[in-house]
């Protein structure tokens, strides 16, 4: 696939994993052994998934890519899974792998994913961080230098929660301009998963876009209020969640410009610092196969829409007029994703999304 020249650039800083996905009629109980349906080994990691989504969202046709995407992450050196799965999956999706560190001291991260067929494709995930928590990924300054040395014009930086908390906080503070640096870019932050210690208000302040699901929204609200984050959010809290009341808290307290709360089958709520709000209905899917990368697909598609807009040279405030369409497109892509199995491979290209 060929790329067209572009001034838009996204740098995704995050995790890269090998996913071991087991599909089963139901999850076994304690001490129980079940015969599962299948085992597949695929490329994944929230960072890799979101980079793939950004790349695929930028292909307006099978041969035209209008946003450049770079992956900043780490894998184990000489890992055959990187050469045969991760790297090809990223590059075929239009993602540059030049800034991926190959660690001599840590293995590639892995995720064991159990997909429960009887529960509509819901998943349970166990993650071994590996290289995602070593070397380059423990050094925010080195990551910033890596971006600068590659001359990446990162109009958008995408961050999640599968790299060390300290690194994430320092990157947020750097790119949000808290330290007075001149490297101000627009951050799309998806706090997934939310660190048990939370995200400090100082780091979150001035974030351009904050994308959360219902559970993460409750946890992040607690975090910036200085309250402890419980390991699990009570169902009653989610039942009572009113996004239109929660979102302004992030605008007013942390000066977050755009707040997006995904609500699963109920759709998506969005709110901007300027007062533009709205809700996009969920997309009906005939058969949900696997929900693994749905949230990452949404983040990637929205980030790409934002990068396209910023390439026009307009201020973020003017994105209010385009935000609803960006949310609709991201929501449609996420819906298409859940109809296929796997993580990266289930993410659609933009020309495949109606």
C-alpha atoms as a PDB file:
ATOM      1  CA  UNK A   1       0.000   0.000   0.000  1.00  0.00           C
ATOM      2  CA  UNK A   2       1.384   3.387  -0.969  1.00  0.00           C
ATOM      3  CA  UNK A   3       1.192   6.520   1.134  1.00  0.00           C
ATOM      4  CA  UNK A   4       0.596  10.069   0.034  1.00  0.00           C
ATOM      5  CA  UNK A   5       2.632  12.956   1.432  1.00  0.00           C
ATOM      6  CA  UNK A   6       1.022  14.520   4.438  1.00  0.00           C
ATOM      7  CA  UNK A   7       1.586  17.108   7.140  1.00  0.00           C
ATOM      8  CA  UNK A   8      -0.560  15.166   9.607  1.00  0.00           C
ATOM      9  CA  UNK A   9       1.298  12.929  12.025  1.00  0.00           C
ATOM     10  CA  UNK A  10       0.322  10.750  14.977  1.00  0.00           C
ATOM     11  CA  UNK A  11       2.814   9.242  17.405  1.00  0.00           C
ATOM     12  CA  UNK A  12       1.337   6.396  19.439  1.00  0.00           C
ATOM     13  CA  UNK A  13       3.360   5.737  22.605  1.00  0.00           C
ATOM     14  CA  UNK A  14       2.337   2.501  24.254  1.00  0.00           C
ATOM     15  CA  UNK A  15       2.389  -1.247  24.674  1.00  0.00           C
ATOM     16  CA  UNK A  16       3.090  -4.004  22.183  1.00  0.00           C
ATOM     17  CA  UNK A  17       1.990  -7.543  23.042  1.00  0.00           C
ATOM     18  CA  UNK A  18       1.597 -10.977  21.603  1.00  0.00           C
ATOM     19  CA  UNK A  19      -1.972 -12.102  22.270  1.00  0.00           C
ATOM     20  CA  UNK A  20      -2.753 -15.735  23.033  1.00  0.00           C
ATOM     21  CA  UNK A  21      -6.500 -15.921  22.464  1.00  0.00           C
ATOM     22  CA  UNK A  22      -8.527 -18.888  23.634  1.00  0.00           C
ATOM     23  CA  UNK A  23     -12.182 -19.113  22.651  1.00  0.00           C
ATOM     24  CA  UNK A  24     -14.362 -21.191  24.952  1.00  0.00           C
ATOM     25  CA  UNK A  25     -18.075 -21.887  25.358  1.00  0.00           C
ATOM     26  CA  UNK A  26     -17.755 -20.636  28.933  1.00  0.00           C
ATOM     27  CA  UNK A  27     -14.991 -19.833  31.419  1.00  0.00           C
ATOM     28  CA  UNK A  28     -13.965 -22.682  33.737  1.00  0.00           C
ATOM     29  CA  UNK A  29     -14.554 -22.467  37.455  1.00  0.00           C
ATOM     30  CA  UNK A  30     -11.882 -22.974  40.101  1.00  0.00           C
ATOM     31  CA  UNK A  31     -10.157 -26.345  39.612  1.00  0.00           C
ATOM     32  CA  UNK A  32     -12.214 -27.115  36.498  1.00  0.00           C
ATOM     33  CA  UNK A  33     -10.824 -28.180  33.107  1.00  0.00           C
ATOM     34  CA  UNK A  34     -12.835 -27.486  29.964  1.00  0.00           C
ATOM     35  CA  UNK A  35     -12.317 -28.285  26.300  1.00  0.00           C
ATOM     36  CA  UNK A  36     -11.999 -24.929  24.528  1.00  0.00           C
ATOM     37  CA  UNK A  37     -12.941 -24.151  20.948  1.00  0.00           C
ATOM     38  CA  UNK A  38      -9.695 -22.709  19.575  1.00  0.00           C
ATOM     39  CA  UNK A  39      -6.346 -21.038  20.285  1.00  0.00           C
ATOM     40  CA  UNK A  40      -4.867 -18.291  18.116  1.00  0.00           C
ATOM     41  CA  UNK A  41      -1.662 -16.276  18.479  1.00  0.00           C
ATOM     42  CA  UNK A  42      -1.973 -12.705  17.233  1.00  0.00           C
ATOM     43  CA  UNK A  43      -0.447  -9.232  17.460  1.00  0.00           C
ATOM     44  CA  UNK A  44      -1.849  -6.910  20.129  1.00  0.00           C
ATOM     45  CA  UNK A  45      -1.198  -4.540  23.013  1.00  0.00           C
ATOM     46  CA  UNK A  46      -3.252  -1.382  23.487  1.00  0.00           C
ATOM     47  CA  UNK A  47      -0.524   0.774  21.970  1.00  0.00           C
ATOM     48  CA  UNK A  48      -0.153  -1.507  18.962  1.00  0.00           C
ATOM     49  CA  UNK A  49      -3.916  -1.794  18.548  1.00  0.00           C
ATOM     50  CA  UNK A  50      -4.389   1.970  18.657  1.00  0.00           C
ATOM     51  CA  UNK A  51      -1.515   2.567  16.235  1.00  0.00           C
ATOM     52  CA  UNK A  52      -3.063   0.021  13.876  1.00  0.00           C
ATOM     53  CA  UNK A  53      -6.427   1.747  14.176  1.00  0.00           C
ATOM     54  CA  UNK A  54      -4.819   5.141  13.450  1.00  0.00           C
ATOM     55  CA  UNK A  55      -3.035   3.704  10.434  1.00  0.00           C
ATOM     56  CA  UNK A  56      -6.064   1.926   9.018  1.00  0.00           C
ATOM     57  CA  UNK A  57      -8.302   4.925   9.673  1.00  0.00           C
ATOM     58  CA  UNK A  58      -5.950   7.010   7.515  1.00  0.00           C
ATOM     59  CA  UNK A  59      -6.412   4.853   4.407  1.00  0.00           C
ATOM     60  CA  UNK A  60      -9.108   6.632   2.426  1.00  0.00           C
ATOM     61  CA  UNK A  61      -8.575   4.049  -0.334  1.00  0.00           C
ATOM     62  CA  UNK A  62      -6.484   0.861  -0.538  1.00  0.00           C
ATOM     63  CA  UNK A  63      -3.541   2.910  -1.876  1.00  0.00           C
ATOM     64  CA  UNK A  64      -3.924   6.338  -0.256  1.00  0.00           C
ATOM     65  CA  UNK A  65      -2.864   7.182   3.317  1.00  0.00           C
ATOM     66  CA  UNK A  66      -3.418  10.789   4.386  1.00  0.00           C
ATOM     67  CA  UNK A  67      -2.043  10.692   7.984  1.00  0.00           C
ATOM     68  CA  UNK A  68       1.414   9.382   8.956  1.00  0.00           C
ATOM     69  CA  UNK A  69       1.517   7.130  12.024  1.00  0.00           C
ATOM     70  CA  UNK A  70       4.562   6.116  14.111  1.00  0.00           C
ATOM     71  CA  UNK A  71       4.673   3.525  16.891  1.00  0.00           C
ATOM     72  CA  UNK A  72       6.868   4.214  19.937  1.00  0.00           C
ATOM     73  CA  UNK A  73       7.226   1.013  21.963  1.00  0.00           C
ATOM     74  CA  UNK A  74       9.482  -1.904  22.848  1.00  0.00           C
ATOM     75  CA  UNK A  75       9.727  -5.643  22.182  1.00  0.00           C
ATOM     76  CA  UNK A  76      12.184  -8.399  23.052  1.00  0.00           C
ATOM     77  CA  UNK A  77      15.221  -8.597  20.778  1.00  0.00           C
ATOM     78  CA  UNK A  78      15.197 -11.480  18.286  1.00  0.00           C
ATOM     79  CA  UNK A  79      11.633 -12.360  19.199  1.00  0.00           C
ATOM     80  CA  UNK A  80      10.248 -14.377  16.281  1.00  0.00           C
ATOM     81  CA  UNK A  81       6.736 -13.217  17.104  1.00  0.00           C
ATOM     82  CA  UNK A  82       7.793  -9.598  16.487  1.00  0.00           C
ATOM     83  CA  UNK A  83       9.268 -10.414  13.078  1.00  0.00           C
ATOM     84  CA  UNK A  84       6.415 -12.660  11.970  1.00  0.00           C
ATOM     85  CA  UNK A  85       3.380 -11.049  13.622  1.00  0.00           C
ATOM     86  CA  UNK A  86       3.750  -7.633  15.238  1.00  0.00           C
ATOM     87  CA  UNK A  87       5.964  -5.844  12.730  1.00  0.00           C
ATOM     88  CA  UNK A  88       4.109  -7.036   9.596  1.00  0.00           C
ATOM     89  CA  UNK A  89       0.719  -6.247  11.177  1.00  0.00           C
ATOM     90  CA  UNK A  90       1.778  -2.690  11.964  1.00  0.00           C
ATOM     91  CA  UNK A  91       3.517  -2.004   8.670  1.00  0.00           C
ATOM     92  CA  UNK A  92       0.668  -3.415   6.573  1.00  0.00           C
ATOM     93  CA  UNK A  93      -1.580  -0.986   8.460  1.00  0.00           C
ATOM     94  CA  UNK A  94       0.566   1.992   7.466  1.00  0.00           C
ATOM     95  CA  UNK A  95       2.418   2.310  10.784  1.00  0.00           C
ATOM     96  CA  UNK A  96       6.153   3.092  10.920  1.00  0.00           C
ATOM     97  CA  UNK A  97       8.074   0.691  13.175  1.00  0.00           C
ATOM     98  CA  UNK A  98      11.383   2.618  13.027  1.00  0.00           C
ATOM     99  CA  UNK A  99      10.993   3.836  16.617  1.00  0.00           C
ATOM    100  CA  UNK A 100      10.292   0.458  18.245  1.00  0.00           C
ATOM    101  CA  UNK A 101      13.111  -0.553  20.607  1.00  0.00           C
ATOM    102  CA  UNK A 102      14.271  -4.183  20.564  1.00  0.00           C
ATOM    103  CA  UNK A 103      15.255  -4.875  24.177  1.00  0.00           C
ATOM    104  CA  UNK A 104      18.127  -7.204  25.098  1.00  0.00           C
ATOM    105  CA  UNK A 105      16.929  -7.484  28.695  1.00  0.00           C
ATOM    106  CA  UNK A 106      13.168  -8.072  28.493  1.00  0.00           C
ATOM    107  CA  UNK A 107      10.769 -10.292  26.587  1.00  0.00           C
ATOM    108  CA  UNK A 108       7.991  -9.020  24.390  1.00  0.00           C
ATOM    109  CA  UNK A 109       4.861  -8.320  26.414  1.00  0.00           C
ATOM    110  CA  UNK A 110       2.072 -10.861  26.232  1.00  0.00           C
ATOM    111  CA  UNK A 111      -1.644 -11.074  26.896  1.00  0.00           C
ATOM    112  CA  UNK A 112      -3.662 -14.211  27.529  1.00  0.00           C
ATOM    113  CA  UNK A 113      -7.224 -13.526  26.433  1.00  0.00           C
ATOM    114  CA  UNK A 114     -10.187 -15.772  27.183  1.00  0.00           C
ATOM    115  CA  UNK A 115     -13.147 -15.090  24.909  1.00  0.00           C
ATOM    116  CA  UNK A 116     -16.408 -16.467  26.331  1.00  0.00           C
ATOM    117  CA  UNK A 117     -18.711 -17.375  23.458  1.00  0.00           C
ATOM    118  CA  UNK A 118     -21.799 -17.867  25.636  1.00  0.00           C
ATOM    119  CA  UNK A 119     -21.448 -14.298  26.942  1.00  0.00           C
ATOM    120  CA  UNK A 120     -21.530 -12.637  23.533  1.00  0.00           C
ATOM    121  CA  UNK A 121     -17.775 -12.525  23.021  1.00  0.00           C
ATOM    122  CA  UNK A 122     -16.907 -10.848  26.315  1.00  0.00           C
ATOM    123  CA  UNK A 123     -13.258 -11.216  27.222  1.00  0.00           C
ATOM    124  CA  UNK A 124     -11.003 -11.678  30.247  1.00  0.00           C
ATOM    125  CA  UNK A 125      -7.361 -10.666  29.895  1.00  0.00           C
ATOM    126  CA  UNK A 126      -4.110 -11.438  31.762  1.00  0.00           C
ATOM    127  CA  UNK A 127      -1.118  -9.273  30.792  1.00  0.00           C
ATOM    128  CA  UNK A 128       2.642  -9.851  31.281  1.00  0.00           C
ATOM    129  CA  UNK A 129       4.211  -6.386  30.638  1.00  0.00           C
ATOM    130  CA  UNK A 130       7.718  -7.520  29.635  1.00  0.00           C
ATOM    131  CA  UNK A 131       9.507  -4.924  27.467  1.00  0.00           C
ATOM    132  CA  UNK A 132       6.560  -2.541  27.865  1.00  0.00           C
ATOM    133  CA  UNK A 133       7.855  -1.798  31.379  1.00  0.00           C
ATOM    134  CA  UNK A 134      11.591  -1.863  30.631  1.00  0.00           C
ATOM    135  CA  UNK A 135      14.308   0.128  28.844  1.00  0.00           C
ATOM    136  CA  UNK A 136      12.935   2.909  26.657  1.00  0.00           C
ATOM    137  CA  UNK A 137       9.446   2.660  28.128  1.00  0.00           C
ATOM    138  CA  UNK A 138      10.743   3.531  31.607  1.00  0.00           C
ATOM    139  CA  UNK A 139      12.358   6.751  30.368  1.00  0.00           C
ATOM    140  CA  UNK A 140      10.050   9.570  29.302  1.00  0.00           C
ATOM    141  CA  UNK A 141      12.946  11.836  28.318  1.00  0.00           C
ATOM    142  CA  UNK A 142      14.350   9.134  26.029  1.00  0.00           C
ATOM    143  CA  UNK A 143      10.927   8.699  24.432  1.00  0.00           C
ATOM    144  CA  UNK A 144      10.683  12.432  23.760  1.00  0.00           C
ATOM    145  CA  UNK A 145      14.190  12.409  22.237  1.00  0.00           C
ATOM    146  CA  UNK A 146      13.265   9.398  20.106  1.00  0.00           C
ATOM    147  CA  UNK A 147      10.290  11.282  18.692  1.00  0.00           C
ATOM    148  CA  UNK A 148      12.409  14.379  18.057  1.00  0.00           C
ATOM    149  CA  UNK A 149      15.341  12.521  16.474  1.00  0.00           C
ATOM    150  CA  UNK A 150      13.069  10.796  13.985  1.00  0.00           C
ATOM    151  CA  UNK A 151      11.753  14.228  12.977  1.00  0.00           C
ATOM    152  CA  UNK A 152       8.233  13.080  13.653  1.00  0.00           C
ATOM    153  CA  UNK A 153       5.845  15.966  13.230  1.00  0.00           C
ATOM    154  CA  UNK A 154       3.529  14.612  15.890  1.00  0.00           C
ATOM    155  CA  UNK A 155       0.504  16.846  15.762  1.00  0.00           C
ATOM    156  CA  UNK A 156      -1.181  14.215  17.937  1.00  0.00           C
ATOM    157  CA  UNK A 157       0.348  11.994  20.622  1.00  0.00           C
ATOM    158  CA  UNK A 158      -1.763   9.024  21.768  1.00  0.00           C
ATOM    159  CA  UNK A 159      -1.211   7.560  25.255  1.00  0.00           C
ATOM    160  CA  UNK A 160      -2.801   4.701  27.232  1.00  0.00           C
ATOM    161  CA  UNK A 161      -2.153   2.919  30.531  1.00  0.00           C
ATOM    162  CA  UNK A 162      -0.110  -0.197  29.704  1.00  0.00           C
ATOM    163  CA  UNK A 163       3.330   1.407  30.122  1.00  0.00           C
ATOM    164  CA  UNK A 164       4.799   2.523  33.491  1.00  0.00           C
ATOM    165  CA  UNK A 165       2.725   5.107  35.343  1.00  0.00           C
ATOM    166  CA  UNK A 166       5.735   7.362  35.932  1.00  0.00           C
ATOM    167  CA  UNK A 167       6.469   7.449  32.204  1.00  0.00           C
ATOM    168  CA  UNK A 168       2.871   8.278  31.351  1.00  0.00           C
ATOM    169  CA  UNK A 169       2.652  11.088  33.916  1.00  0.00           C
ATOM    170  CA  UNK A 170       5.910  12.646  32.720  1.00  0.00           C
ATOM    171  CA  UNK A 171       4.843  12.431  29.071  1.00  0.00           C
ATOM    172  CA  UNK A 172       1.487  14.024  29.875  1.00  0.00           C
ATOM    173  CA  UNK A 173       3.176  16.874  31.707  1.00  0.00           C
ATOM    174  CA  UNK A 174       5.689  17.361  28.893  1.00  0.00           C
ATOM    175  CA  UNK A 175       3.283  17.296  25.965  1.00  0.00           C
ATOM    176  CA  UNK A 176       0.544  19.192  27.797  1.00  0.00           C
ATOM    177  CA  UNK A 177       3.021  22.003  28.374  1.00  0.00           C
ATOM    178  CA  UNK A 178       3.126  21.869  32.185  1.00  0.00           C
ATOM    179  CA  UNK A 179       6.905  22.307  32.186  1.00  0.00           C
ATOM    180  CA  UNK A 180       6.818  25.300  29.832  1.00  0.00           C
ATOM    181  CA  UNK A 181       8.372  23.348  26.964  1.00  0.00           C
ATOM    182  CA  UNK A 182       7.911  24.260  23.318  1.00  0.00           C
ATOM    183  CA  UNK A 183       7.016  20.727  22.321  1.00  0.00           C
ATOM    184  CA  UNK A 184       3.292  21.315  22.817  1.00  0.00           C
ATOM    185  CA  UNK A 185       1.224  18.852  20.839  1.00  0.00           C
ATOM    186  CA  UNK A 186      -2.321  17.636  21.231  1.00  0.00           C
ATOM    187  CA  UNK A 187      -2.590  14.600  23.504  1.00  0.00           C
ATOM    188  CA  UNK A 188      -5.303  11.982  23.140  1.00  0.00           C
ATOM    189  CA  UNK A 189      -5.255  10.112  26.445  1.00  0.00           C
ATOM    190  CA  UNK A 190      -7.084   6.836  26.949  1.00  0.00           C
ATOM    191  CA  UNK A 191      -6.505   5.828  30.615  1.00  0.00           C
ATOM    192  CA  UNK A 192      -7.012   2.127  30.003  1.00  0.00           C
ATOM    193  CA  UNK A 193      -6.509   0.543  32.360  1.00  0.00           C
ATOM    194  CA  UNK A 194      -6.584   3.289  34.996  1.00  0.00           C
ATOM    195  CA  UNK A 195      -3.508   2.965  37.211  1.00  0.00           C
ATOM    196  CA  UNK A 196      -4.414   1.874  40.776  1.00  0.00           C
ATOM    197  CA  UNK A 197      -2.662   5.022  42.035  1.00  0.00           C
ATOM    198  CA  UNK A 198      -4.653   7.147  39.601  1.00  0.00           C
ATOM    199  CA  UNK A 199      -3.578  10.043  37.395  1.00  0.00           C
ATOM    200  CA  UNK A 200      -2.486  13.261  39.060  1.00  0.00           C
ATOM    201  CA  UNK A 201      -4.346  16.450  38.301  1.00  0.00           C
ATOM    202  CA  UNK A 202      -1.050  18.145  37.406  1.00  0.00           C
ATOM    203  CA  UNK A 203      -0.387  15.573  34.664  1.00  0.00           C
ATOM    204  CA  UNK A 204      -3.932  15.545  33.285  1.00  0.00           C
ATOM    205  CA  UNK A 205      -4.255  19.332  33.182  1.00  0.00           C
ATOM    206  CA  UNK A 206      -4.606  20.804  29.669  1.00  0.00           C
ATOM    207  CA  UNK A 207      -5.015  17.421  27.976  1.00  0.00           C
ATOM    208  CA  UNK A 208      -6.643  17.953  24.597  1.00  0.00           C
ATOM    209  CA  UNK A 209      -8.769  14.778  24.443  1.00  0.00           C
ATOM    210  CA  UNK A 210      -9.695  12.337  27.212  1.00  0.00           C
ATOM    211  CA  UNK A 211     -11.420   9.124  26.068  1.00  0.00           C
ATOM    212  CA  UNK A 212     -12.828   6.754  28.714  1.00  0.00           C
ATOM    213  CA  UNK A 213     -15.380   4.003  29.084  1.00  0.00           C
ATOM    214  CA  UNK A 214     -17.924   4.093  31.908  1.00  0.00           C
ATOM    215  CA  UNK A 215     -15.738   2.387  34.494  1.00  0.00           C
ATOM    216  CA  UNK A 216     -12.706   4.506  33.637  1.00  0.00           C
ATOM    217  CA  UNK A 217     -14.759   7.699  33.824  1.00  0.00           C
ATOM    218  CA  UNK A 218     -15.802   6.928  37.383  1.00  0.00           C
ATOM    219  CA  UNK A 219     -12.261   5.982  38.376  1.00  0.00           C
ATOM    220  CA  UNK A 220     -10.712   9.056  36.761  1.00  0.00           C
ATOM    221  CA  UNK A 221     -13.263  11.295  38.438  1.00  0.00           C
ATOM    222  CA  UNK A 222     -12.213   9.867  41.793  1.00  0.00           C
ATOM    223  CA  UNK A 223      -8.571  10.246  40.898  1.00  0.00           C
ATOM    224  CA  UNK A 224      -8.565  13.956  40.082  1.00  0.00           C
ATOM    225  CA  UNK A 225     -10.674  14.584  43.167  1.00  0.00           C
ATOM    226  CA  UNK A 226      -7.924  12.997  45.262  1.00  0.00           C
ATOM    227  CA  UNK A 227     -10.052   9.997  46.229  1.00  0.00           C
ATOM    228  CA  UNK A 228      -8.831   6.374  46.236  1.00  0.00           C
ATOM    229  CA  UNK A 229      -9.634   4.226  43.236  1.00  0.00           C
ATOM    230  CA  UNK A 230     -11.306   0.959  44.083  1.00  0.00           C
ATOM    231  CA  UNK A 231     -10.244  -2.177  42.245  1.00  0.00           C
ATOM    232  CA  UNK A 232     -13.736  -2.646  40.908  1.00  0.00           C
ATOM    233  CA  UNK A 233     -16.517  -0.193  40.226  1.00  0.00           C
ATOM    234  CA  UNK A 234     -19.878  -1.178  41.697  1.00  0.00           C
ATOM    235  CA  UNK A 235     -22.605  -1.918  39.117  1.00  0.00           C
ATOM    236  CA  UNK A 236     -24.854   0.626  40.826  1.00  0.00           C
ATOM    237  CA  UNK A 237     -22.334   3.364  40.054  1.00  0.00           C
ATOM    238  CA  UNK A 238     -22.463   2.537  36.364  1.00  0.00           C
ATOM    239  CA  UNK A 239     -26.249   2.268  36.394  1.00  0.00           C
ATOM    240  CA  UNK A 240     -26.437   5.758  37.861  1.00  0.00           C
ATOM    241  CA  UNK A 241     -23.709   7.218  35.615  1.00  0.00           C
ATOM    242  CA  UNK A 242     -24.805  10.467  34.027  1.00  0.00           C
ATOM    243  CA  UNK A 243     -22.106  11.499  31.544  1.00  0.00           C
ATOM    244  CA  UNK A 244     -23.550  14.974  31.094  1.00  0.00           C
ATOM    245  CA  UNK A 245     -22.878  15.645  34.771  1.00  0.00           C
ATOM    246  CA  UNK A 246     -19.517  13.891  34.914  1.00  0.00           C
ATOM    247  CA  UNK A 247     -17.853  15.428  31.842  1.00  0.00           C
ATOM    248  CA  UNK A 248     -17.904  19.067  33.048  1.00  0.00           C
ATOM    249  CA  UNK A 249     -15.867  17.965  36.069  1.00  0.00           C
ATOM    250  CA  UNK A 250     -12.925  17.217  33.761  1.00  0.00           C
ATOM    251  CA  UNK A 251     -13.345  20.490  31.876  1.00  0.00           C
ATOM    252  CA  UNK A 252     -13.543  22.629  34.987  1.00  0.00           C
ATOM    253  CA  UNK A 253     -11.026  20.856  37.212  1.00  0.00           C
ATOM    254  CA  UNK A 254      -8.374  19.749  34.698  1.00  0.00           C
ATOM    255  CA  UNK A 255      -9.070  22.033  31.722  1.00  0.00           C
ATOM    256  CA  UNK A 256      -9.509  19.014  29.457  1.00  0.00           C
ATOM    257  CA  UNK A 257     -10.666  20.329  26.099  1.00  0.00           C
ATOM    258  CA  UNK A 258     -12.626  17.295  24.820  1.00  0.00           C
ATOM    259  CA  UNK A 259     -14.163  14.571  26.990  1.00  0.00           C
ATOM    260  CA  UNK A 260     -15.555  11.401  25.419  1.00  0.00           C
ATOM    261  CA  UNK A 261     -17.261   8.646  27.409  1.00  0.00           C
ATOM    262  CA  UNK A 262     -18.016   5.436  25.551  1.00  0.00           C
ATOM    263  CA  UNK A 263     -21.106   3.634  26.820  1.00  0.00           C
ATOM    264  CA  UNK A 264     -20.918   0.259  25.108  1.00  0.00           C
ATOM    265  CA  UNK A 265     -24.100  -0.682  23.288  1.00  0.00           C
ATOM    266  CA  UNK A 266     -25.686   2.571  24.493  1.00  0.00           C
ATOM    267  CA  UNK A 267     -23.371   4.638  22.318  1.00  0.00           C
ATOM    268  CA  UNK A 268     -21.024   7.532  23.057  1.00  0.00           C
ATOM    269  CA  UNK A 269     -21.301  10.845  24.917  1.00  0.00           C
ATOM    270  CA  UNK A 270     -19.045  13.776  24.009  1.00  0.00           C
ATOM    271  CA  UNK A 271     -18.465  17.193  25.521  1.00  0.00           C
ATOM    272  CA  UNK A 272     -16.102  20.088  24.734  1.00  0.00           C
ATOM    273  CA  UNK A 273     -14.679  22.888  26.853  1.00  0.00           C
ATOM    274  CA  UNK A 274     -16.658  25.345  24.727  1.00  0.00           C
ATOM    275  CA  UNK A 275     -19.970  23.747  25.669  1.00  0.00           C
ATOM    276  CA  UNK A 276     -20.654  21.573  22.634  1.00  0.00           C
ATOM    277  CA  UNK A 277     -22.239  18.325  23.830  1.00  0.00           C
ATOM    278  CA  UNK A 278     -23.981  15.406  22.242  1.00  0.00           C
ATOM    279  CA  UNK A 279     -24.697  11.695  22.217  1.00  0.00           C
ATOM    280  CA  UNK A 280     -24.228   9.215  19.390  1.00  0.00           C
ATOM    281  CA  UNK A 281     -26.373   6.106  19.490  1.00  0.00           C
ATOM    282  CA  UNK A 282     -24.849   2.649  19.565  1.00  0.00           C
ATOM    283  CA  UNK A 283     -24.564   0.740  16.294  1.00  0.00           C
ATOM    284  CA  UNK A 284     -26.527  -2.492  16.130  1.00  0.00           C
ATOM    285  CA  UNK A 285     -24.279  -5.465  15.362  1.00  0.00           C
ATOM    286  CA  UNK A 286     -25.882  -8.646  14.043  1.00  0.00           C
ATOM    287  CA  UNK A 287     -23.412 -10.911  15.860  1.00  0.00           C
ATOM    288  CA  UNK A 288     -20.743  -9.835  18.341  1.00  0.00           C
ATOM    289  CA  UNK A 289     -17.739 -12.124  17.909  1.00  0.00           C
ATOM    290  CA  UNK A 290     -14.964 -10.484  19.958  1.00  0.00           C
ATOM    291  CA  UNK A 291     -14.888  -7.135  21.788  1.00  0.00           C
ATOM    292  CA  UNK A 292     -11.108  -7.150  22.395  1.00  0.00           C
ATOM    293  CA  UNK A 293      -9.999  -4.129  20.319  1.00  0.00           C
ATOM    294  CA  UNK A 294     -13.251  -2.158  20.076  1.00  0.00           C
ATOM    295  CA  UNK A 295     -12.164   0.614  22.423  1.00  0.00           C
ATOM    296  CA  UNK A 296      -8.755   0.856  20.746  1.00  0.00           C
ATOM    297  CA  UNK A 297     -10.424   1.116  17.346  1.00  0.00           C
ATOM    298  CA  UNK A 298     -12.525   4.018  18.593  1.00  0.00           C
ATOM    299  CA  UNK A 299      -9.460   5.816  19.981  1.00  0.00           C
ATOM    300  CA  UNK A 300      -7.492   5.331  16.760  1.00  0.00           C
ATOM    301  CA  UNK A 301     -10.243   6.518  14.460  1.00  0.00           C
ATOM    302  CA  UNK A 302     -10.998   9.570  16.573  1.00  0.00           C
ATOM    303  CA  UNK A 303      -7.292  10.454  16.818  1.00  0.00           C
ATOM    304  CA  UNK A 304      -6.951  10.270  13.046  1.00  0.00           C
ATOM    305  CA  UNK A 305      -9.928  12.572  12.525  1.00  0.00           C
ATOM    306  CA  UNK A 306      -8.338  15.024  14.951  1.00  0.00           C
ATOM    307  CA  UNK A 307      -4.959  14.844  13.162  1.00  0.00           C
ATOM    308  CA  UNK A 308      -6.622  15.590   9.825  1.00  0.00           C
ATOM    309  CA  UNK A 309      -8.324  18.616  11.330  1.00  0.00           C
ATOM    310  CA  UNK A 310      -5.180  19.963  12.989  1.00  0.00           C
ATOM    311  CA  UNK A 311      -3.293  19.696   9.684  1.00  0.00           C
ATOM    312  CA  UNK A 312      -5.475  22.557   8.454  1.00  0.00           C
ATOM    313  CA  UNK A 313      -3.740  24.837  10.943  1.00  0.00           C
ATOM    314  CA  UNK A 314      -6.923  25.638  12.847  1.00  0.00           C
ATOM    315  CA  UNK A 315      -7.134  25.796  16.661  1.00  0.00           C
ATOM    316  CA  UNK A 316      -8.597  22.867  18.553  1.00  0.00           C
ATOM    317  CA  UNK A 317     -11.595  24.975  19.585  1.00  0.00           C
ATOM    318  CA  UNK A 318     -12.824  24.918  15.987  1.00  0.00           C
ATOM    319  CA  UNK A 319     -12.993  21.121  16.073  1.00  0.00           C
ATOM    320  CA  UNK A 320     -16.370  21.527  17.790  1.00  0.00           C
ATOM    321  CA  UNK A 321     -18.011  21.704  14.365  1.00  0.00           C
ATOM    322  CA  UNK A 322     -16.543  18.339  13.335  1.00  0.00           C
ATOM    323  CA  UNK A 323     -16.553  16.379  16.566  1.00  0.00           C
ATOM    324  CA  UNK A 324     -19.916  14.676  16.126  1.00  0.00           C
ATOM    325  CA  UNK A 325     -18.969  13.277  12.721  1.00  0.00           C
ATOM    326  CA  UNK A 326     -15.621  12.112  14.137  1.00  0.00           C
ATOM    327  CA  UNK A 327     -17.408  10.292  16.973  1.00  0.00           C
ATOM    328  CA  UNK A 328     -19.896   8.692  14.557  1.00  0.00           C
ATOM    329  CA  UNK A 329     -17.118   7.390  12.323  1.00  0.00           C
ATOM    330  CA  UNK A 330     -15.125   6.045  15.270  1.00  0.00           C
ATOM    331  CA  UNK A 331     -18.246   4.395  16.674  1.00  0.00           C
ATOM    332  CA  UNK A 332     -19.046   2.757  13.325  1.00  0.00           C
ATOM    333  CA  UNK A 333     -15.481   1.429  13.039  1.00  0.00           C
ATOM    334  CA  UNK A 334     -15.622   0.004  16.573  1.00  0.00           C
ATOM    335  CA  UNK A 335     -18.902  -1.734  15.741  1.00  0.00           C
ATOM    336  CA  UNK A 336     -17.353  -3.322  12.657  1.00  0.00           C
ATOM    337  CA  UNK A 337     -14.384  -4.427  14.775  1.00  0.00           C
ATOM    338  CA  UNK A 338     -16.481  -6.482  17.217  1.00  0.00           C
ATOM    339  CA  UNK A 339     -17.971  -8.489  14.369  1.00  0.00           C
ATOM    340  CA  UNK A 340     -14.571 -10.118  13.715  1.00  0.00           C
ATOM    341  CA  UNK A 341     -12.202 -12.166  15.882  1.00  0.00           C
ATOM    342  CA  UNK A 342      -8.859 -10.964  17.193  1.00  0.00           C
ATOM    343  CA  UNK A 343      -7.290  -7.620  18.033  1.00  0.00           C
ATOM    344  CA  UNK A 344      -5.265  -5.893  15.292  1.00  0.00           C
ATOM    345  CA  UNK A 345      -6.648  -8.042  12.489  1.00  0.00           C
ATOM    346  CA  UNK A 346     -10.253  -7.181  13.392  1.00  0.00           C
ATOM    347  CA  UNK A 347      -9.722  -3.415  12.998  1.00  0.00           C
ATOM    348  CA  UNK A 348     -11.220  -2.199   9.699  1.00  0.00           C
ATOM    349  CA  UNK A 349      -9.677   0.140   7.147  1.00  0.00           C
ATOM    350  CA  UNK A 350     -11.465   3.450   6.668  1.00  0.00           C
ATOM    351  CA  UNK A 351     -12.624   2.548   3.145  1.00  0.00           C
ATOM    352  CA  UNK A 352     -14.380  -0.511   4.621  1.00  0.00           C
ATOM    353  CA  UNK A 353     -16.454   1.517   7.116  1.00  0.00           C
ATOM    354  CA  UNK A 354     -19.780   2.936   6.056  1.00  0.00           C
END
